[in-house]
Amino acid sequence: MIGTRFALAVKKLWKDESGQSLVEFALVLPILLLVLLGIIDFGSIFSTELVIEGAALDAARYASVGATDAQVNQVIQQDCATLQTSQLTVTIDPTQSNRVSGQPVVVTISYPVNIEFPLTAFLPNPLVVHAATAMRVE
């Protein structure tokens, strides 16, 4: 009698699937977290790229209408206020004294972005984001 009861209880537990979803969730959760962290890091990189591109565009426009290099750098500092401005690398070519009407002025900005995602061994850390804009001097 006890043997048959035990056999029925084991058979019932064998067919019970109440913990199945919990086990599946535990298996999928690490993958979902890795994807989420990757999306967050990509968003940070993309946001920095957009800020740098906008600053380069504004700076090139100011440089093309006769602003000094100091004024151009001030515009870049204002546009990149959300970033650590001490890490910005700015190149203005040609300098203010060498600009000729009708020739292009090129403003290049670089900024290192630290990647927080631990499994990105294929990306350099920090990832340097570049933006350059050329405009004709008026």
Protein backbone atom coordinates (compact mmCIF):
# COMPACT_ATOMS: atom_id res chain seq x y z
CA MET A 1 0.00 0.00 0.00
CA ILE A 2 2.74 2.46 0.91
CA GLY A 3 4.65 1.51 -2.22
CA THR A 4 1.71 2.31 -4.48
CA ARG A 5 1.07 5.62 -2.72
CA PHE A 6 4.72 6.57 -3.12
CA ALA A 7 4.66 5.55 -6.76
CA LEU A 8 1.54 7.67 -7.36
CA ALA A 9 3.08 10.66 -5.56
CA VAL A 10 6.28 10.40 -7.63
CA LYS A 11 4.24 10.04 -10.82
CA LYS A 12 2.19 13.11 -9.89
CA LEU A 13 5.35 15.17 -9.14
CA TRP A 14 6.92 13.99 -12.39
CA LYS A 15 3.99 15.39 -14.38
CA ASP A 16 3.75 18.62 -12.34
CA GLU A 17 4.96 21.62 -14.40
CA SER A 18 4.30 24.45 -11.94
CA GLY A 19 8.01 25.49 -11.68
CA GLN A 20 8.71 25.33 -15.40
CA SER A 21 8.23 29.03 -16.07
CA LEU A 22 10.48 29.95 -13.15
CA VAL A 23 13.30 27.78 -14.49
CA GLU A 24 12.89 29.20 -18.00
CA PHE A 25 12.94 32.74 -16.63
CA ALA A 26 16.10 32.00 -14.65
CA LEU A 27 17.76 30.75 -17.84
CA VAL A 28 16.71 33.73 -19.99
CA LEU A 29 17.24 36.51 -17.40
CA PRO A 30 21.06 36.82 -17.81
CA ILE A 31 20.70 37.14 -21.57
CA LEU A 32 18.01 39.80 -21.21
CA LEU A 33 20.16 41.76 -18.76
CA LEU A 34 23.15 41.64 -21.11
CA VAL A 35 21.02 42.93 -23.98
CA LEU A 36 19.60 45.71 -21.79
CA LEU A 37 23.06 46.84 -20.63
CA GLY A 38 24.29 46.79 -24.24
CA ILE A 39 21.39 48.99 -25.31
CA ILE A 40 22.13 51.45 -22.50
CA ASP A 41 25.83 51.68 -23.48
CA PHE A 42 24.98 52.09 -27.15
CA GLY A 43 22.56 54.87 -26.24
CA SER A 44 25.28 56.65 -24.29
CA ILE A 45 27.70 56.42 -27.21
CA PHE A 46 25.06 57.57 -29.69
CA SER A 47 24.03 60.50 -27.48
CA THR A 48 27.66 61.62 -27.20
CA GLU A 49 28.04 61.34 -30.98
CA LEU A 50 25.00 63.59 -31.52
CA VAL A 51 26.26 66.21 -29.05
CA ILE A 52 29.71 66.24 -30.66
CA GLU A 53 28.27 66.53 -34.19
CA GLY A 54 26.02 69.42 -33.19
CA ALA A 55 28.91 71.22 -31.52
CA ALA A 56 31.12 70.76 -34.59
CA LEU A 57 28.36 72.13 -36.83
CA ASP A 58 27.81 75.21 -34.65
CA ALA A 59 31.54 75.82 -34.29
CA ALA A 60 32.17 75.56 -38.03
CA ARG A 61 29.35 78.02 -38.69
CA TYR A 62 30.79 80.51 -36.19
CA ALA A 63 34.28 80.07 -37.66
CA SER A 64 32.99 80.60 -41.20
CA VAL A 65 31.41 83.96 -40.40
CA GLY A 66 34.53 85.45 -38.80
CA ALA A 67 34.58 84.38 -35.16
CA THR A 68 37.93 84.05 -33.42
CA ASP A 69 39.27 80.65 -32.40
CA ALA A 70 38.57 81.54 -28.76
CA GLN A 71 34.94 82.30 -29.60
CA VAL A 72 34.66 79.04 -31.54
CA ASN A 73 36.06 77.12 -28.55
CA GLN A 74 33.58 78.89 -26.27
CA VAL A 75 30.70 77.77 -28.53
CA ILE A 76 31.99 74.20 -28.36
CA GLN A 77 32.22 74.35 -24.56
CA GLN A 78 28.63 75.60 -24.34
CA ASP A 79 27.28 72.97 -26.74
CA CYS A 80 29.11 70.17 -24.93
CA ALA A 81 28.06 71.23 -21.43
CA THR A 82 26.66 67.74 -20.75
CA LEU A 83 30.11 66.20 -21.36
CA GLN A 84 33.37 66.57 -19.48
CA THR A 85 34.75 69.48 -21.49
CA SER A 86 38.29 68.89 -20.22
CA GLN A 87 38.40 65.69 -22.30
CA LEU A 88 37.40 67.37 -25.57
CA THR A 89 40.02 67.57 -28.32
CA VAL A 90 39.29 70.41 -30.73
CA THR A 91 41.07 71.19 -34.00
CA ILE A 92 40.26 74.24 -36.11
CA ASP A 93 41.92 74.24 -39.53
CA PRO A 94 42.97 76.77 -40.69
CA THR A 95 43.43 79.04 -37.72
CA GLN A 96 41.75 82.43 -37.63
CA SER A 97 44.71 84.34 -39.11
CA ASN A 98 44.94 81.95 -42.09
CA ARG A 99 41.26 81.86 -43.11
CA VAL A 100 40.54 83.08 -46.63
CA SER A 101 37.10 83.89 -47.97
CA GLY A 102 35.82 81.08 -50.19
CA GLN A 103 38.08 78.43 -48.64
CA PRO A 104 36.78 75.82 -46.17
CA VAL A 105 37.29 75.89 -42.44
CA VAL A 106 37.20 72.47 -40.78
CA VAL A 107 36.33 71.94 -37.11
CA THR A 108 37.15 68.51 -35.71
CA ILE A 109 36.12 67.37 -32.24
CA SER A 110 37.08 64.13 -30.48
CA TYR A 111 35.80 62.81 -27.16
CA PRO A 112 36.54 59.53 -25.33
CA VAL A 113 33.47 57.60 -24.15
CA ASN A 114 34.00 55.07 -21.36
CA ILE A 115 32.13 51.84 -22.01
CA GLU A 116 30.54 50.40 -18.86
CA PHE A 117 29.36 47.13 -20.42
CA PRO A 118 31.80 44.44 -19.23
CA LEU A 119 31.59 42.03 -22.17
CA THR A 120 32.60 44.37 -24.99
CA ALA A 121 36.07 42.98 -25.53
CA PHE A 122 35.84 43.75 -29.23
CA LEU A 123 35.49 47.53 -28.64
CA PRO A 124 38.30 49.75 -27.39
CA ASN A 125 37.72 51.27 -23.98
CA PRO A 126 37.48 54.24 -24.01
CA LEU A 127 35.87 54.50 -27.42
CA VAL A 128 36.88 57.79 -29.07
CA VAL A 129 34.00 59.52 -30.85
CA HIS A 130 34.94 61.93 -33.68
CA ALA A 131 32.98 64.57 -35.56
CA ALA A 132 34.16 66.96 -38.22
CA THR A 133 32.36 69.71 -40.11
CA ALA A 134 33.64 71.83 -43.00
CA MET A 135 32.10 75.13 -44.11
CA ARG A 136 33.16 77.76 -46.61
CA VAL A 137 34.46 80.98 -45.08
CA GLU A 138 32.24 83.92 -45.98
